N, C-alpha and C. Protein backbone atom coordinates (compact mmCIF):
# COMPACT_ATOMS: atom_id res chain seq x y z
N UNK A 1 87.44 154.78 20.30
CA UNK A 1 86.81 155.39 21.22
C UNK A 1 85.48 154.85 21.01
N UNK A 2 84.89 154.75 19.56
CA UNK A 2 83.68 154.09 19.71
C UNK A 2 83.48 152.54 19.69
N UNK A 3 84.73 151.83 20.23
CA UNK A 3 84.37 150.44 20.47
C UNK A 3 84.02 150.72 22.42
N UNK A 4 84.78 151.65 22.49
CA UNK A 4 84.68 152.08 24.01
C UNK A 4 83.16 152.63 24.57
N UNK A 5 82.63 153.20 23.20
CA UNK A 5 81.35 153.50 23.59
C UNK A 5 80.30 152.58 23.34
N UNK A 6 80.72 151.40 22.65
CA UNK A 6 79.68 150.21 22.28
C UNK A 6 79.85 149.02 23.42
N UNK A 7 81.06 149.35 24.03
CA UNK A 7 81.27 148.37 25.18
C UNK A 7 80.46 149.19 26.58
N UNK A 8 80.53 150.19 26.37
CA UNK A 8 79.53 150.87 27.72
C UNK A 8 78.43 150.72 27.44
N UNK A 9 77.86 150.93 26.40
CA UNK A 9 76.28 150.82 25.87
C UNK A 9 75.93 149.29 26.03
N UNK A 10 76.92 148.37 26.00
CA UNK A 10 76.63 146.97 26.18
C UNK A 10 76.55 146.88 27.68
N UNK A 11 77.64 147.42 28.64
CA UNK A 11 77.10 147.47 29.95
C UNK A 11 76.05 148.10 30.50
N UNK A 12 75.61 149.21 29.87
CA UNK A 12 74.65 149.76 30.29
C UNK A 12 73.19 148.99 29.79
N UNK A 13 73.31 148.58 28.84
CA UNK A 13 71.90 147.71 28.46
C UNK A 13 71.93 146.24 29.48
N UNK A 14 72.68 145.91 29.80
CA UNK A 14 73.28 144.45 30.92
C UNK A 14 72.56 144.87 31.97
N UNK A 15 73.04 145.83 32.43
CA UNK A 15 72.60 146.93 33.69
C UNK A 15 71.34 146.91 34.16
N UNK A 16 70.60 147.39 32.17
CA UNK A 16 69.16 147.48 32.47
C UNK A 16 68.53 146.19 32.64
N UNK A 17 69.35 145.35 31.81
CA UNK A 17 68.78 144.04 32.16
C UNK A 17 68.98 143.18 33.21
N UNK A 18 69.40 143.71 33.96
CA UNK A 18 70.05 142.86 35.42
C UNK A 18 69.23 143.92 36.11
N UNK A 19 68.90 145.20 35.85
CA UNK A 19 68.19 145.88 37.05
C UNK A 19 66.27 145.51 36.92
N UNK A 20 66.27 145.19 35.59
CA UNK A 20 64.93 144.47 35.66
C UNK A 20 64.31 143.11 36.06
N UNK A 21 65.43 142.24 36.33
CA UNK A 21 65.85 140.95 36.89
C UNK A 21 65.86 141.40 38.46
N UNK A 22 66.40 142.32 38.60
CA UNK A 22 66.56 142.33 40.19
C UNK A 22 65.01 143.00 40.86
N UNK A 23 64.77 144.04 39.90
CA UNK A 23 62.84 144.37 39.94
C UNK A 23 61.81 143.07 40.46
N UNK A 24 61.90 142.28 39.30
CA UNK A 24 61.28 140.88 39.17
C UNK A 24 61.44 140.53 40.65
N UNK A 25 62.98 140.08 40.88
CA UNK A 25 63.17 139.16 41.65
C UNK A 25 62.65 139.85 43.10
N UNK A 26 63.04 141.22 43.48
CA UNK A 26 62.39 141.96 44.54
C UNK A 26 60.92 141.93 44.42
N UNK A 27 60.23 141.73 43.72
CA UNK A 27 58.64 141.80 43.44
C UNK A 27 58.09 140.47 43.85
N UNK A 28 59.00 139.57 43.37
CA UNK A 28 58.80 138.07 44.08
C UNK A 28 59.15 137.89 45.37
N UNK A 29 60.26 138.51 45.69
CA UNK A 29 60.25 138.76 47.40
C UNK A 29 59.45 139.39 48.04
N UNK A 30 59.03 140.64 47.72
CA UNK A 30 58.27 140.92 48.33
C UNK A 30 56.46 140.22 48.33
N UNK A 31 56.17 139.60 47.44
CA UNK A 31 55.31 138.71 47.54
C UNK A 31 55.42 137.30 48.44
N UNK A 32 56.50 136.91 48.17
CA UNK A 32 56.98 135.83 49.66
C UNK A 32 57.07 136.48 50.92
N UNK A 33 57.53 137.69 50.71
CA UNK A 33 57.36 138.28 52.35
C UNK A 33 55.81 138.30 52.76
N UNK A 34 54.99 138.84 51.83
CA UNK A 34 53.43 138.86 51.91
C UNK A 34 52.93 137.66 52.36
N UNK A 35 53.27 136.44 51.78
CA UNK A 35 52.66 135.07 51.86
C UNK A 35 53.46 134.70 53.49
N UNK A 36 54.70 135.08 53.71
CA UNK A 36 55.12 134.66 54.88
C UNK A 36 54.47 135.15 55.95
N UNK A 37 54.20 136.63 55.84
CA UNK A 37 53.41 137.43 56.67
C UNK A 37 51.73 136.90 56.96
N UNK A 38 51.19 136.66 55.79
CA UNK A 38 50.09 135.74 56.18
C UNK A 38 50.19 134.44 57.06
N UNK A 39 51.10 133.93 56.58
CA UNK A 39 51.58 132.30 57.40
C UNK A 39 51.92 132.43 58.71
N UNK A 40 52.40 133.65 59.32
CA UNK A 40 52.72 134.07 60.41
C UNK A 40 51.39 134.43 61.13
N UNK A 41 50.81 134.96 60.59
CA UNK A 41 49.05 135.44 61.25
C UNK A 41 48.51 134.36 61.56
N UNK A 42 48.42 133.17 60.26
CA UNK A 42 47.88 132.24 60.55
C UNK A 42 48.49 131.49 61.60
N UNK A 43 50.12 131.11 62.18
CA UNK A 43 50.05 130.51 62.93
C UNK A 43 49.90 131.34 64.14
N UNK A 44 49.92 132.60 64.07
CA UNK A 44 49.57 133.06 65.48
C UNK A 44 48.10 132.45 65.92
N UNK A 45 47.26 132.66 64.92
CA UNK A 45 45.94 131.93 65.24
C UNK A 45 45.60 131.12 65.40
N UNK A 46 46.66 130.13 65.10
CA UNK A 46 46.47 128.71 65.44
C UNK A 46 47.21 128.55 66.88
N UNK A 47 48.27 129.24 67.41
CA UNK A 47 48.71 129.38 68.35
C UNK A 47 47.78 129.57 69.58
N UNK A 48 47.17 131.00 69.36
CA UNK A 48 45.97 131.02 70.44
C UNK A 48 45.07 130.22 70.26
N UNK A 49 44.26 129.49 69.10
CA UNK A 49 43.66 128.44 69.22
C UNK A 49 44.01 127.00 70.02
N UNK A 50 45.60 126.96 69.86
CA UNK A 50 46.03 125.59 70.56
C UNK A 50 45.95 126.04 72.01
N UNK A 51 46.39 127.16 72.67
CA UNK A 51 46.04 127.70 74.07
C UNK A 51 44.71 127.40 74.64
N UNK A 52 43.72 127.94 73.61
CA UNK A 52 42.54 127.90 74.06
C UNK A 52 42.26 126.28 74.28
N UNK A 53 42.73 125.56 73.54
CA UNK A 53 42.23 124.28 73.22
C UNK A 53 43.08 123.43 74.79
N UNK A 54 44.30 123.84 74.80
CA UNK A 54 45.18 123.26 75.71
C UNK A 54 44.54 123.54 77.24
N UNK A 55 44.14 124.88 77.48
CA UNK A 55 43.65 125.38 78.75
C UNK A 55 42.27 124.54 78.55
N UNK A 56 41.47 124.58 77.73
CA UNK A 56 40.13 123.60 78.12
C UNK A 56 40.42 122.38 78.48
N UNK A 57 41.78 121.37 77.91
CA UNK A 57 42.00 120.39 78.23
C UNK A 57 42.27 120.28 79.51
N UNK A 58 43.21 120.98 79.81
CA UNK A 58 43.76 121.15 81.30
C UNK A 58 42.68 121.16 82.46
N UNK A 59 41.75 121.80 81.96
CA UNK A 59 40.66 122.00 82.79
C UNK A 59 39.96 121.07 83.15
N UNK A 60 39.62 120.06 81.93
CA UNK A 60 38.90 119.18 81.44
C UNK A 60 39.79 117.79 82.57
N UNK A 61 41.18 117.65 82.27
CA UNK A 61 41.94 116.42 83.20
C UNK A 61 41.62 116.96 84.65
N UNK A 62 41.90 118.74 85.02
CA UNK A 62 41.68 118.78 86.30
C UNK A 62 40.49 118.45 87.08
N UNK A 63 39.12 118.47 86.08
CA UNK A 63 37.79 118.08 86.40
C UNK A 63 38.24 116.40 86.91
N UNK A 64 38.46 115.56 85.74
CA UNK A 64 38.55 114.32 85.68
C UNK A 64 39.51 113.77 86.94
N UNK A 65 40.49 114.34 87.11
CA UNK A 65 41.46 114.00 88.45
C UNK A 65 40.58 114.12 89.54
N UNK A 66 39.68 115.61 89.99
CA UNK A 66 38.73 115.78 91.07
C UNK A 66 37.99 114.40 91.30
N UNK A 67 37.12 114.43 90.32
CA UNK A 67 36.43 113.15 90.04
C UNK A 67 37.01 111.77 90.14
N UNK A 68 38.16 111.63 89.92
CA UNK A 68 38.84 110.38 90.09
C UNK A 68 39.08 110.43 91.71
N UNK A 69 39.41 111.37 92.25
CA UNK A 69 40.10 111.26 93.91
C UNK A 69 38.66 111.01 94.21
N UNK A 70 37.44 111.84 94.19
CA UNK A 70 36.73 111.81 94.62
C UNK A 70 36.22 110.14 94.99
N UNK A 71 35.90 109.37 93.75
CA UNK A 71 35.55 107.97 93.48
C UNK A 71 36.89 107.19 94.21
N UNK A 72 37.78 107.64 94.07
CA UNK A 72 39.01 106.62 94.86
C UNK A 72 38.72 106.79 96.59
N UNK A 73 38.45 107.96 96.91
CA UNK A 73 38.09 108.14 98.03
C UNK A 73 36.64 106.88 98.65
N UNK A 74 35.77 107.12 97.54
CA UNK A 74 34.99 106.28 97.94
C UNK A 74 34.84 104.74 98.02
N UNK A 75 35.87 104.67 96.98
CA UNK A 75 36.46 103.00 97.01
C UNK A 75 37.05 102.60 98.28
N UNK A 76 37.69 103.61 98.57
CA UNK A 76 38.65 103.43 99.60
C UNK A 76 38.05 103.17 101.16
N UNK A 77 36.78 103.91 101.18
CA UNK A 77 36.01 103.54 101.92
C UNK A 77 34.92 102.43 102.48
N UNK A 78 34.80 102.04 100.39
CA UNK A 78 34.05 100.91 100.56
C UNK A 78 35.26 99.74 101.08
N UNK A 79 36.36 99.53 100.76
CA UNK A 79 37.30 98.63 101.11
C UNK A 79 37.30 98.78 102.35
N UNK A 80 37.39 99.68 103.29
CA UNK A 80 37.75 99.58 104.82
C UNK A 80 36.43 99.33 105.40
N UNK A 81 35.25 99.48 104.61
CA UNK A 81 33.97 98.97 105.27
C UNK A 81 33.95 97.40 105.21
N UNK A 82 34.46 96.98 103.90
CA UNK A 82 34.12 95.67 103.93
C UNK A 82 35.16 94.81 104.57
N UNK A 83 36.71 95.54 104.79
CA UNK A 83 37.72 94.88 105.75
C UNK A 83 37.58 94.98 107.12
N UNK A 84 36.39 95.85 107.82
CA UNK A 84 35.88 95.79 108.98
C UNK A 84 35.42 94.72 109.20
N UNK A 85 34.24 94.38 108.11
CA UNK A 85 33.24 93.52 108.37
C UNK A 85 33.58 92.22 108.24
N UNK A 86 34.76 92.12 107.61
CA UNK A 86 35.46 90.86 107.45
C UNK A 86 36.36 90.43 108.51
N UNK A 87 36.87 91.60 109.19
CA UNK A 87 37.49 91.16 110.30
C UNK A 87 36.94 90.78 111.68
N UNK A 88 35.32 91.58 111.99
CA UNK A 88 34.30 91.22 112.54
C UNK A 88 34.06 89.71 112.37
N UNK A 89 33.61 89.42 110.66
CA UNK A 89 33.09 88.03 110.88
C UNK A 89 34.28 87.06 111.34
N UNK A 90 35.34 87.30 110.83
CA UNK A 90 36.20 86.19 111.04
C UNK A 90 36.90 86.34 112.97
N UNK A 91 36.59 87.35 113.26
CA UNK A 91 36.47 87.31 114.95
C UNK A 91 35.61 86.49 115.61
N UNK A 92 34.24 86.49 114.87
CA UNK A 92 33.17 85.80 115.09
C UNK A 92 33.36 84.44 115.03
N UNK A 93 33.63 83.86 113.75
CA UNK A 93 34.20 82.75 113.13
C UNK A 93 35.18 81.72 114.04
N UNK A 94 36.08 82.70 114.91
CA UNK A 94 37.17 82.23 115.61
C UNK A 94 36.61 81.96 116.79
N UNK A 95 35.73 82.67 117.46
CA UNK A 95 34.71 82.66 118.77
C UNK A 95 34.04 81.49 118.78
N UNK A 96 33.21 81.23 117.72
CA UNK A 96 32.73 80.12 117.12
C UNK A 96 33.18 78.54 117.32
N UNK A 97 34.28 79.16 116.60
CA UNK A 97 35.08 77.44 116.48
C UNK A 97 35.75 77.14 118.05
N UNK A 98 36.05 78.26 118.60
CA UNK A 98 37.12 77.92 119.81
C UNK A 98 35.73 77.60 120.69
N UNK A 99 34.76 77.83 120.84
CA UNK A 99 33.49 77.36 121.66
C UNK A 99 32.98 76.27 120.90
N UNK A 100 33.13 75.47 120.11
CA UNK A 100 32.83 74.49 119.21
C UNK A 100 34.13 73.63 119.52
N UNK A 101 35.11 73.78 119.62
CA UNK A 101 36.30 73.18 119.89
C UNK A 101 36.16 72.76 121.58
N UNK A 102 35.73 73.75 122.44
CA UNK A 102 35.54 73.37 123.82
C UNK A 102 34.25 72.43 123.99
N UNK A 103 33.61 72.48 123.47
CA UNK A 103 32.43 71.63 123.26
C UNK A 103 32.81 70.20 122.99
N UNK A 104 33.43 69.95 121.67
CA UNK A 104 33.77 68.71 121.63
C UNK A 104 34.55 68.09 122.65
N UNK A 105 35.67 68.85 123.44
CA UNK A 105 36.21 68.24 124.32
C UNK A 105 35.47 67.87 125.14
N UNK A 106 34.63 68.86 125.69
CA UNK A 106 33.76 68.68 127.06
C UNK A 106 32.69 66.83 126.69
N UNK A 107 32.50 67.09 125.32
CA UNK A 107 31.67 65.76 124.87
C UNK A 107 32.26 64.52 124.80
N UNK A 108 33.94 65.06 124.58
CA UNK A 108 34.44 63.69 124.26
C UNK A 108 34.60 63.26 126.22
N UNK A 109 35.02 63.97 127.03
CA UNK A 109 35.28 63.73 128.34
C UNK A 109 34.10 63.02 128.98
N UNK A 110 32.85 63.59 128.42
CA UNK A 110 31.74 62.74 128.75
C UNK A 110 31.63 61.48 128.08
N UNK A 111 31.83 61.21 126.94
CA UNK A 111 31.91 60.16 126.06
C UNK A 111 33.19 58.95 127.04
N UNK A 112 33.97 59.43 127.43
CA UNK A 112 35.32 58.70 127.85
C UNK A 112 34.59 58.45 129.20
N UNK A 113 34.23 59.05 130.10
CA UNK A 113 33.73 58.87 131.55
C UNK A 113 32.74 58.39 131.20
N UNK A 114 31.58 58.03 130.49
CA UNK A 114 30.63 57.22 130.36
C UNK A 114 30.97 55.95 129.88
N UNK A 115 32.06 55.49 128.91
CA UNK A 115 32.94 54.23 128.49
C UNK A 115 33.44 53.72 129.95
N UNK A 116 34.07 54.41 130.81
CA UNK A 116 34.98 53.91 131.53
C UNK A 116 33.78 53.59 132.52
N UNK A 117 32.78 54.43 133.14
CA UNK A 117 31.72 53.98 133.71
C UNK A 117 31.18 52.39 133.44
N UNK A 118 30.65 52.26 131.91
CA UNK A 118 30.42 51.18 131.48
C UNK A 118 31.41 49.87 131.59
N UNK A 119 32.23 50.21 131.36
CA UNK A 119 33.71 49.36 131.34
C UNK A 119 33.63 48.57 132.63
N UNK A 120 33.58 49.66 133.94
CA UNK A 120 33.44 48.90 135.06
C UNK A 120 32.29 48.35 135.50
N UNK A 121 30.90 48.94 134.83
CA UNK A 121 29.78 48.19 135.30
C UNK A 121 29.95 46.76 134.66
N UNK A 122 30.73 46.64 133.26
CA UNK A 122 30.68 45.30 132.75
C UNK A 122 31.45 44.36 133.58
N UNK A 123 32.66 44.80 133.66
CA UNK A 123 33.67 44.17 134.62
C UNK A 123 32.78 43.78 135.66
N UNK A 124 32.14 44.80 136.91
CA UNK A 124 31.39 44.11 137.49
C UNK A 124 30.63 43.26 137.67
N UNK A 125 29.73 43.52 136.40
CA UNK A 125 28.64 42.22 136.23
C UNK A 125 29.41 41.04 135.67
N UNK A 126 30.40 41.20 134.98
CA UNK A 126 30.94 39.79 134.57
C UNK A 126 31.44 39.29 136.06
N UNK A 127 31.70 40.05 136.73
CA UNK A 127 32.23 38.95 138.14
C UNK A 127 31.11 38.45 138.41
N UNK A 128 30.20 39.24 138.69
CA UNK A 128 29.01 38.36 139.38
C UNK A 128 28.65 37.36 138.78
N UNK A 129 28.48 37.82 137.29
CA UNK A 129 28.12 36.44 136.44
C UNK A 129 28.95 35.46 137.00
N UNK A 130 30.33 35.40 137.09
CA UNK A 130 31.10 34.26 137.25
C UNK A 130 30.65 33.75 138.52
N UNK A 131 30.77 34.52 139.38
CA UNK A 131 30.28 34.34 140.92
C UNK A 131 28.80 33.17 140.89
N UNK A 132 27.69 33.62 140.03
CA UNK A 132 26.71 33.03 140.21
C UNK A 132 26.98 31.73 138.90
N UNK A 133 27.52 31.69 138.38
CA UNK A 133 27.75 30.21 137.47
C UNK A 133 28.46 29.70 138.61
N UNK A 134 29.38 29.86 139.53
CA UNK A 134 30.23 29.10 140.31
C UNK A 134 29.20 28.57 141.30
N UNK A 135 28.29 29.54 141.69
CA UNK A 135 27.71 29.04 142.77
C UNK A 135 26.72 27.69 142.14
N UNK A 136 26.07 28.13 141.04
CA UNK A 136 24.87 27.52 140.50
C UNK A 136 25.88 26.12 139.55
N UNK A 137 26.96 26.10 139.49
CA UNK A 137 28.13 25.05 139.35
C UNK A 137 28.00 25.03 137.90
N UNK A 138 27.56 25.91 137.15
CA UNK A 138 28.24 26.22 135.34
C UNK A 138 29.35 26.45 135.53
N UNK A 139 30.17 25.98 134.50
CA UNK A 139 31.32 25.92 134.49
C UNK A 139 31.45 27.61 133.69
N UNK A 140 32.37 28.31 134.08
CA UNK A 140 32.67 29.97 133.93
C UNK A 140 33.25 29.49 132.37
N UNK A 141 32.81 30.31 131.89
CA UNK A 141 33.24 30.69 130.23
C UNK A 141 34.68 30.90 130.10
């Protein structure tokens, strides 16, 4: 029986030592839980900061979008204005080119008529010179 008591005492001592280790482990777990709670609160704070930053960024992006839209509409208006001026200029140039072509055609006709008229005059003069040369007695060329 002394042996059994010794065994029970050893078991009891082991249980006390184990209980001390469990207490230490529980204490460390409590500290860890406390640190995790602190981290949770920090993460929660960071989340709220991130949400506020994200909302700020969203509003800034929204402002940039509206500014970009207004700039784009201004650019479109400028492009439309330049395009219409270009079309008007092209129409004026086309009209002027058509008038110039008509004037060139008219001048070409005038030059052709003048050339034909002078050709007839030269032929007439040539005939007259030949007649005069024959009348005078000079051999025609």
